[in-house]
Amino acid sequence: MMRRFILAIVLAGTLGHVPVEAQGVPTGFLDRSIDFEGAEYLYQVYVPREYDGSRSWPV
């Protein structure tokens, strides 16, 4: 009985996990820009392929 309960919990936990690719979250080096006081500043942000937003990532 306990084995079935644990299996049900594990399966329920995996159902909520959706890969980044399926979420439509862009990854890799992303080109961005910001306009500030009439000047445009360009920058890049790197988003790891494994990023899913469920944990903190170093900056």
Protein backbone atom coordinates (compact mmCIF):
# COMPACT_ATOMS: atom_id res chain seq x y z
CA MET A 1 0.00 0.00 0.00
CA MET A 2 2.78 2.44 0.91
CA ARG A 3 4.56 1.61 -2.33
CA ARG A 4 1.48 2.60 -4.35
CA PHE A 5 1.17 5.84 -2.42
CA ILE A 6 4.80 6.78 -3.10
CA LEU A 7 4.42 5.89 -6.78
CA ALA A 8 1.31 8.09 -7.02
CA ILE A 9 3.15 11.02 -5.42
CA VAL A 10 6.12 10.65 -7.77
CA LEU A 11 3.87 10.45 -10.83
CA ALA A 12 1.85 13.47 -9.72
CA GLY A 13 5.07 15.45 -9.28
CA THR A 14 6.29 14.65 -12.77
CA LEU A 15 3.01 15.66 -14.39
CA GLY A 16 3.55 19.27 -13.35
CA HIS A 17 7.03 19.45 -14.88
CA VAL A 18 6.99 20.92 -18.39
CA PRO A 19 10.27 21.21 -20.29
CA VAL A 20 11.45 24.73 -21.14
CA GLU A 21 11.06 24.02 -24.86
CA ALA A 22 7.36 23.27 -24.35
CA GLN A 23 6.87 26.45 -22.30
CA GLY A 24 8.15 28.63 -25.11
CA VAL A 25 10.84 30.21 -22.92
CA PRO A 26 13.69 31.44 -25.13
CA THR A 27 17.16 30.20 -24.14
CA GLY A 28 20.73 30.96 -25.14
CA PHE A 29 22.12 34.46 -25.76
CA LEU A 30 19.19 36.87 -26.10
CA ASP A 31 19.66 40.33 -27.60
CA ARG A 32 17.83 43.05 -25.70
CA SER A 33 17.73 46.85 -25.70
CA ILE A 34 16.52 49.63 -23.45
CA ASP A 35 15.79 53.26 -24.30
CA PHE A 36 16.91 55.74 -21.66
CA GLU A 37 16.75 59.50 -22.08
CA GLY A 38 16.75 59.26 -25.86
CA ALA A 39 19.64 56.81 -26.14
CA GLU A 40 19.30 53.14 -26.98
CA TYR A 41 21.48 50.72 -25.01
CA LEU A 42 22.02 47.21 -26.36
CA TYR A 43 22.86 44.24 -24.16
CA GLN A 44 22.71 40.45 -24.10
CA VAL A 45 21.27 38.09 -21.53
CA TYR A 46 22.21 34.41 -21.34
CA VAL A 47 19.42 32.02 -20.34
CA PRO A 48 20.60 28.44 -19.69
CA ARG A 49 18.85 25.65 -21.59
CA GLU A 50 17.88 24.09 -18.24
CA TYR A 51 16.20 27.27 -16.94
CA ASP A 52 12.67 26.73 -15.66
CA GLY A 53 12.15 29.48 -13.09
CA SER A 54 11.59 27.08 -10.19
CA ARG A 55 14.96 27.80 -8.54
CA SER A 56 17.31 30.72 -8.07
CA TRP A 57 20.13 31.22 -10.56
CA PRO A 58 23.33 33.17 -9.88
CA VAL A 59 23.68 36.58 -11.45
